[in-house]
Protein backbone atom coordinates (compact mmCIF):
# COMPACT_ATOMS: atom_id res chain seq x y z
CA UNK A 1 0.00 0.00 0.00
CA UNK A 2 1.41 3.39 -0.90
CA UNK A 3 1.57 6.16 1.72
CA UNK A 4 -1.27 8.05 0.06
CA UNK A 5 -3.39 4.90 0.19
CA UNK A 6 -2.61 4.39 3.88
CA UNK A 7 -3.48 8.01 4.65
CA UNK A 8 -6.73 7.77 2.70
CA UNK A 9 -7.75 4.54 4.42
CA UNK A 10 -6.95 5.81 7.92
CA UNK A 11 -8.79 9.09 7.35
CA UNK A 12 -11.75 7.33 5.74
CA UNK A 13 -12.05 4.91 8.65
CA UNK A 14 -11.84 7.75 11.18
CA UNK A 15 -14.57 9.66 9.32
CA UNK A 16 -16.87 6.73 8.60
CA UNK A 17 -16.61 4.27 11.47
CA UNK A 18 -17.39 5.18 15.03
CA UNK A 19 -18.72 3.44 18.09
CA UNK A 20 -22.20 4.54 17.05
CA UNK A 21 -21.77 2.86 13.65
CA UNK A 22 -20.09 -0.24 15.06
CA UNK A 23 -22.28 -2.70 13.20
CA UNK A 24 -20.29 -5.66 11.88
CA UNK A 25 -23.09 -6.43 9.43
CA UNK A 26 -22.26 -3.16 7.65
CA UNK A 27 -18.64 -4.23 6.98
CA UNK A 28 -19.37 -5.42 3.43
CA UNK A 29 -21.14 -2.21 2.45
CA UNK A 30 -18.42 -0.10 4.06
CA UNK A 31 -15.75 -2.10 2.22
CA UNK A 32 -17.37 -1.39 -1.13
CA UNK A 33 -17.74 2.27 -0.19
CA UNK A 34 -14.11 2.76 0.89
CA UNK A 35 -12.91 1.28 -2.39
CA UNK A 36 -15.31 3.41 -4.44
CA UNK A 37 -14.40 6.54 -2.48
CA UNK A 38 -10.69 5.83 -2.92
CA UNK A 39 -11.10 5.45 -6.67
CA UNK A 40 -13.18 8.65 -6.77
CA UNK A 41 -10.36 10.41 -4.89
CA UNK A 42 -7.93 9.37 -7.61
CA UNK A 43 -6.40 6.26 -6.05
CA UNK A 44 -6.06 3.01 -7.92
CA UNK A 45 -7.32 -0.04 -6.07
CA UNK A 46 -3.72 -1.30 -6.24
CA UNK A 47 -2.60 1.86 -4.39
CA UNK A 48 -4.79 0.80 -1.50
CA UNK A 49 -3.93 -2.90 -1.93
CA UNK A 50 -7.52 -3.73 -1.12
CA UNK A 51 -9.93 -6.11 -2.63
CA UNK A 52 -13.45 -5.98 -1.30
CA UNK A 53 -13.00 -9.18 0.74
CA UNK A 54 -9.79 -7.85 2.31
CA UNK A 55 -11.36 -4.47 3.01
CA UNK A 56 -14.42 -6.11 4.57
CA UNK A 57 -12.23 -8.21 6.87
CA UNK A 58 -10.14 -5.17 7.86
CA UNK A 59 -13.22 -3.03 8.53
CA UNK A 60 -14.83 -5.83 10.55
CA UNK A 61 -11.67 -5.98 12.70
CA UNK A 62 -11.74 -2.20 13.20
CA UNK A 63 -15.38 -2.38 14.29
CA UNK A 64 -14.66 -5.24 16.70
CA UNK A 65 -11.78 -3.31 18.24
CA UNK A 66 -13.97 -0.22 18.66
CA UNK A 67 -16.67 -2.29 20.32
CA UNK A 68 -14.25 -4.16 22.58
CA UNK A 69 -12.14 -1.74 24.64
CA UNK A 70 -8.77 -3.06 25.67
CA UNK A 71 -8.08 -5.03 22.51
CA UNK A 72 -4.49 -4.92 21.24
CA UNK A 73 -5.14 -2.17 18.67
CA UNK A 74 -6.40 0.28 21.33
């Protein structure tokens, strides 16, 4: 993942996932949206090194960590 892709993903997650939106069932829809938003912002999918399945898994992990204080990523 290029630095611009990392920055985009981190900012997107901060803006779009919060404790209030911590619904694991939404991970698939959020994955499709982050990829679409990245492409709309001028990133190639390869720049983000994400495929929808990978993005969904990553987003699901972020949501779980938000919903479970004290997990290693906190």
